[in-house]
Amino acid sequence: MDTTNPTNTTSPVRGVMTYIMGTIAFLTCPCHLPILLLLLSGTAAGSALAANTGTALLALLAIFASSAYATWRLLDRGEETREGEPGDSRLRARRE
């Protein structure tokens, strides 16, 4: 068992970045545009969003796609770094 990293996790910064990018991906998902319009109704941001719904949809889609991809890569990279650590059961199973 690896005693230098008892929780078998990657750096805390990567974990925080994963949560931040995941939250951004969730909030900017284009399916949430109607909810944003309802929440922001009666404000200047809501009227700008309602007037430019198509542009807002494209902008949200671009932000969503890039943040979802970044989240996926951060999660995927975490699996790669954990896989080769001493004490990893998957590594032992491959050797046998």
N, C-alpha and C. Protein backbone atom coordinates (compact mmCIF):
# COMPACT_ATOMS: atom_id res chain seq x y z
N MET A 1 0.84 -1.18 0.00
CA MET A 1 0.00 0.00 0.00
C MET A 1 0.88 1.24 0.00
N ASP A 2 0.44 2.25 -0.70
CA ASP A 2 1.20 3.49 -0.82
C ASP A 2 0.97 4.34 0.42
N THR A 3 1.99 4.50 1.25
CA THR A 3 1.84 5.29 2.48
C THR A 3 2.13 6.75 2.27
N THR A 4 2.75 7.13 1.15
CA THR A 4 3.03 8.54 0.90
C THR A 4 1.78 9.30 0.48
N ASN A 5 0.83 8.62 -0.09
CA ASN A 5 -0.42 9.23 -0.52
C ASN A 5 -1.57 8.31 -0.09
N PRO A 6 -1.97 8.36 1.18
CA PRO A 6 -2.92 7.38 1.68
C PRO A 6 -4.29 7.43 1.03
N THR A 7 -4.72 8.58 0.55
CA THR A 7 -6.04 8.65 -0.08
C THR A 7 -5.98 8.29 -1.55
N ASN A 8 -4.78 8.12 -2.09
CA ASN A 8 -4.58 7.74 -3.49
C ASN A 8 -5.25 8.73 -4.44
N THR A 9 -5.08 10.01 -4.17
CA THR A 9 -5.66 11.05 -5.02
C THR A 9 -4.56 11.85 -5.69
N THR A 10 -4.96 12.67 -6.62
CA THR A 10 -4.01 13.55 -7.29
C THR A 10 -3.92 14.86 -6.52
N SER A 11 -3.30 15.87 -7.10
CA SER A 11 -3.10 17.13 -6.40
C SER A 11 -4.43 17.80 -6.07
N PRO A 12 -4.50 18.52 -4.95
CA PRO A 12 -5.74 19.20 -4.58
C PRO A 12 -6.15 20.27 -5.58
N VAL A 13 -5.18 20.89 -6.24
CA VAL A 13 -5.51 21.93 -7.23
C VAL A 13 -6.28 21.33 -8.40
N ARG A 14 -5.88 20.14 -8.82
CA ARG A 14 -6.58 19.49 -9.93
C ARG A 14 -8.01 19.15 -9.51
N GLY A 15 -8.20 18.73 -8.27
CA GLY A 15 -9.55 18.43 -7.79
C GLY A 15 -10.42 19.66 -7.75
N VAL A 16 -9.87 20.77 -7.31
CA VAL A 16 -10.64 22.02 -7.26
C VAL A 16 -10.96 22.48 -8.68
N MET A 17 -10.00 22.41 -9.56
CA MET A 17 -10.24 22.82 -10.96
C MET A 17 -11.30 21.93 -11.61
N THR A 18 -11.31 20.66 -11.28
CA THR A 18 -12.32 19.77 -11.83
C THR A 18 -13.71 20.19 -11.38
N TYR A 19 -13.86 20.52 -10.09
CA TYR A 19 -15.17 20.97 -9.60
C TYR A 19 -15.56 22.31 -10.21
N ILE A 20 -14.62 23.22 -10.36
CA ILE A 20 -14.92 24.53 -10.94
C ILE A 20 -15.36 24.38 -12.39
N MET A 21 -14.61 23.62 -13.16
CA MET A 21 -14.97 23.44 -14.58
C MET A 21 -16.28 22.66 -14.72
N GLY A 22 -16.52 21.71 -13.84
CA GLY A 22 -17.78 20.98 -13.87
C GLY A 22 -18.97 21.88 -13.55
N THR A 23 -18.79 22.78 -12.60
CA THR A 23 -19.84 23.72 -12.25
C THR A 23 -20.12 24.69 -13.39
N ILE A 24 -19.05 25.17 -14.02
CA ILE A 24 -19.23 26.05 -15.18
C ILE A 24 -19.96 25.31 -16.29
N ALA A 25 -19.59 24.06 -16.53
CA ALA A 25 -20.27 23.27 -17.56
C ALA A 25 -21.75 23.09 -17.23
N PHE A 26 -22.05 22.85 -15.96
CA PHE A 26 -23.45 22.67 -15.57
C PHE A 26 -24.24 23.97 -15.73
N LEU A 27 -23.68 25.08 -15.30
CA LEU A 27 -24.40 26.35 -15.35
C LEU A 27 -24.56 26.89 -16.77
N THR A 28 -23.63 26.60 -17.65
CA THR A 28 -23.71 27.14 -19.01
C THR A 28 -24.31 26.15 -20.00
N CYS A 29 -24.83 25.05 -19.52
CA CYS A 29 -25.47 24.09 -20.42
C CYS A 29 -26.62 24.79 -21.15
N PRO A 30 -26.69 24.67 -22.46
CA PRO A 30 -27.73 25.38 -23.22
C PRO A 30 -29.16 24.99 -22.82
N CYS A 31 -29.33 23.83 -22.23
CA CYS A 31 -30.69 23.45 -21.81
C CYS A 31 -31.15 24.28 -20.62
N HIS A 32 -30.24 24.99 -19.96
CA HIS A 32 -30.60 25.85 -18.84
C HIS A 32 -30.95 27.28 -19.27
N LEU A 33 -30.91 27.57 -20.56
CA LEU A 33 -31.21 28.92 -21.04
C LEU A 33 -32.62 29.38 -20.65
N PRO A 34 -33.65 28.55 -20.78
CA PRO A 34 -34.98 29.01 -20.33
C PRO A 34 -35.02 29.32 -18.83
N ILE A 35 -34.29 28.55 -18.04
CA ILE A 35 -34.25 28.80 -16.60
C ILE A 35 -33.54 30.13 -16.33
N LEU A 36 -32.45 30.39 -17.06
CA LEU A 36 -31.76 31.66 -16.91
C LEU A 36 -32.66 32.83 -17.31
N LEU A 37 -33.43 32.65 -18.37
CA LEU A 37 -34.35 33.72 -18.80
C LEU A 37 -35.39 34.00 -17.72
N LEU A 38 -35.89 32.95 -17.08
CA LEU A 38 -36.87 33.15 -16.01
C LEU A 38 -36.24 33.79 -14.77
N LEU A 39 -35.06 33.34 -14.40
CA LEU A 39 -34.40 33.89 -13.22
C LEU A 39 -33.98 35.34 -13.39
N LEU A 40 -33.59 35.69 -14.63
CA LEU A 40 -33.10 37.04 -14.88
C LEU A 40 -34.18 37.97 -15.44
N SER A 41 -35.42 37.51 -15.50
CA SER A 41 -36.48 38.37 -16.05
C SER A 41 -36.67 39.60 -15.18
N GLY A 42 -36.85 40.72 -15.84
CA GLY A 42 -37.01 41.99 -15.13
C GLY A 42 -35.71 42.71 -14.86
N THR A 43 -34.60 42.12 -15.30
CA THR A 43 -33.30 42.78 -15.13
C THR A 43 -32.75 43.14 -16.50
N ALA A 44 -31.72 43.96 -16.49
CA ALA A 44 -31.09 44.34 -17.76
C ALA A 44 -30.46 43.12 -18.43
N ALA A 45 -29.87 42.24 -17.64
CA ALA A 45 -29.26 41.02 -18.19
C ALA A 45 -30.33 40.12 -18.81
N GLY A 46 -31.49 40.04 -18.17
CA GLY A 46 -32.58 39.23 -18.70
C GLY A 46 -33.12 39.77 -20.01
N SER A 47 -33.25 41.10 -20.10
CA SER A 47 -33.74 41.68 -21.36
C SER A 47 -32.72 41.53 -22.48
N ALA A 48 -31.43 41.64 -22.15
CA ALA A 48 -30.40 41.44 -23.16
C ALA A 48 -30.38 39.99 -23.62
N LEU A 49 -30.58 39.07 -22.68
CA LEU A 49 -30.61 37.65 -23.03
C LEU A 49 -31.83 37.34 -23.89
N ALA A 50 -32.98 37.92 -23.56
CA ALA A 50 -34.20 37.68 -24.34
C ALA A 50 -34.09 38.28 -25.74
N ALA A 51 -33.43 39.42 -25.86
CA ALA A 51 -33.31 40.06 -27.16
C ALA A 51 -32.31 39.33 -28.06
N ASN A 52 -31.33 38.69 -27.46
CA ASN A 52 -30.28 38.01 -28.23
C ASN A 52 -30.21 36.53 -27.85
N THR A 53 -31.33 35.85 -27.93
CA THR A 53 -31.39 34.46 -27.50
C THR A 53 -30.49 33.56 -28.35
N GLY A 54 -30.48 33.79 -29.64
CA GLY A 54 -29.65 32.97 -30.52
C GLY A 54 -28.16 33.13 -30.24
N THR A 55 -27.75 34.37 -30.06
CA THR A 55 -26.34 34.64 -29.74
C THR A 55 -25.99 34.07 -28.37
N ALA A 56 -26.90 34.22 -27.42
CA ALA A 56 -26.66 33.67 -26.08
C ALA A 56 -26.56 32.15 -26.13
N LEU A 57 -27.41 31.53 -26.96
CA LEU A 57 -27.37 30.07 -27.10
C LEU A 57 -26.02 29.61 -27.66
N LEU A 58 -25.54 30.29 -28.68
CA LEU A 58 -24.24 29.93 -29.27
C LEU A 58 -23.10 30.16 -28.29
N ALA A 59 -23.14 31.27 -27.56
CA ALA A 59 -22.08 31.56 -26.58
C ALA A 59 -22.10 30.53 -25.45
N LEU A 60 -23.29 30.23 -24.94
CA LEU A 60 -23.40 29.22 -23.88
C LEU A 60 -22.95 27.85 -24.37
N LEU A 61 -23.28 27.52 -25.61
CA LEU A 61 -22.87 26.24 -26.16
C LEU A 61 -21.35 26.14 -26.26
N ALA A 62 -20.70 27.22 -26.69
CA ALA A 62 -19.24 27.21 -26.80
C ALA A 62 -18.58 27.10 -25.42
N ILE A 63 -19.09 27.86 -24.46
CA ILE A 63 -18.53 27.80 -23.10
C ILE A 63 -18.79 26.43 -22.49
N PHE A 64 -20.00 25.89 -22.71
CA PHE A 64 -20.33 24.58 -22.18
C PHE A 64 -19.43 23.50 -22.77
N ALA A 65 -19.25 23.52 -24.08
CA ALA A 65 -18.44 22.49 -24.73
C ALA A 65 -16.99 22.53 -24.24
N SER A 66 -16.42 23.73 -24.14
CA SER A 66 -15.03 23.82 -23.71
C SER A 66 -14.86 23.45 -22.23
N SER A 67 -15.78 23.85 -21.37
CA SER A 67 -15.65 23.50 -19.96
C SER A 67 -15.96 22.03 -19.71
N ALA A 68 -16.90 21.46 -20.45
CA ALA A 68 -17.17 20.03 -20.31
C ALA A 68 -15.97 19.21 -20.78
N TYR A 69 -15.35 19.63 -21.87
CA TYR A 69 -14.16 18.93 -22.36
C TYR A 69 -13.01 19.05 -21.36
N ALA A 70 -12.84 20.24 -20.78
CA ALA A 70 -11.78 20.43 -19.79
C ALA A 70 -12.03 19.58 -18.55
N THR A 71 -13.28 19.50 -18.11
CA THR A 71 -13.62 18.66 -16.97
C THR A 71 -13.33 17.20 -17.28
N TRP A 72 -13.72 16.75 -18.45
CA TRP A 72 -13.48 15.36 -18.85
C TRP A 72 -11.98 15.06 -18.89
N ARG A 73 -11.19 15.98 -19.43
CA ARG A 73 -9.75 15.77 -19.49
C ARG A 73 -9.12 15.76 -18.10
N LEU A 74 -9.60 16.63 -17.20
CA LEU A 74 -9.07 16.64 -15.83
C LEU A 74 -9.41 15.34 -15.12
N LEU A 75 -10.61 14.83 -15.31
CA LEU A 75 -10.98 13.56 -14.70
C LEU A 75 -10.21 12.42 -15.32
N ASP A 76 -10.03 12.45 -16.63
CA ASP A 76 -9.30 11.39 -17.33
C ASP A 76 -7.83 11.39 -16.94
N ARG A 77 -7.23 12.56 -16.80
CA ARG A 77 -5.83 12.66 -16.42
C ARG A 77 -5.62 12.15 -15.00
N GLY A 78 -6.62 12.35 -14.14
CA GLY A 78 -6.54 11.84 -12.78
C GLY A 78 -6.48 10.32 -12.76
N GLU A 79 -7.22 9.68 -13.64
CA GLU A 79 -7.17 8.22 -13.73
C GLU A 79 -5.80 7.74 -14.19
N GLU A 80 -5.20 8.46 -15.14
CA GLU A 80 -3.88 8.06 -15.65
C GLU A 80 -2.82 8.16 -14.56
N THR A 81 -2.87 9.20 -13.75
CA THR A 81 -1.84 9.36 -12.74
C THR A 81 -2.03 8.38 -11.59
N ARG A 82 -3.26 8.04 -11.26
CA ARG A 82 -3.50 7.09 -10.18
C ARG A 82 -3.17 5.67 -10.60
N GLU A 83 -3.27 5.39 -11.87
CA GLU A 83 -3.13 4.02 -12.34
C GLU A 83 -1.74 3.44 -12.09
N GLY A 84 -0.71 4.25 -12.21
CA GLY A 84 0.63 3.73 -12.09
C GLY A 84 1.24 3.81 -10.70
N GLU A 85 0.48 4.26 -9.71
CA GLU A 85 1.03 4.41 -8.37
C GLU A 85 1.23 3.05 -7.72
N PRO A 86 2.26 2.93 -6.87
CA PRO A 86 2.45 1.68 -6.16
C PRO A 86 1.24 1.39 -5.27
N GLY A 87 0.87 0.15 -5.19
CA GLY A 87 -0.26 -0.24 -4.36
C GLY A 87 -1.58 -0.19 -5.10
N ASP A 88 -1.56 0.15 -6.37
CA ASP A 88 -2.78 0.20 -7.15
C ASP A 88 -3.20 -1.22 -7.50
N SER A 89 -4.38 -1.61 -7.14
CA SER A 89 -4.84 -2.98 -7.36
C SER A 89 -4.97 -3.29 -8.85
N ARG A 90 -5.31 -2.28 -9.66
CA ARG A 90 -5.42 -2.53 -11.10
C ARG A 90 -4.06 -2.85 -11.69
N LEU A 91 -3.02 -2.21 -11.18
CA LEU A 91 -1.67 -2.47 -11.67
C LEU A 91 -1.25 -3.89 -11.31
N ARG A 92 -1.56 -4.31 -10.09
CA ARG A 92 -1.21 -5.67 -9.67
C ARG A 92 -1.96 -6.70 -10.48
N ALA A 93 -3.21 -6.42 -10.81
CA ALA A 93 -4.01 -7.37 -11.59
C ALA A 93 -3.45 -7.55 -12.99
N ARG A 94 -2.90 -6.48 -13.56
CA ARG A 94 -2.33 -6.57 -14.91
C ARG A 94 -1.03 -7.37 -14.91
N ARG A 95 -0.27 -7.27 -13.83
CA ARG A 95 1.02 -7.97 -13.76
C ARG A 95 0.82 -9.47 -13.62
N GLU A 96 -0.27 -9.86 -12.99
CA GLU A 96 -0.51 -11.30 -12.72
C GLU A 96 -1.05 -12.03 -13.91
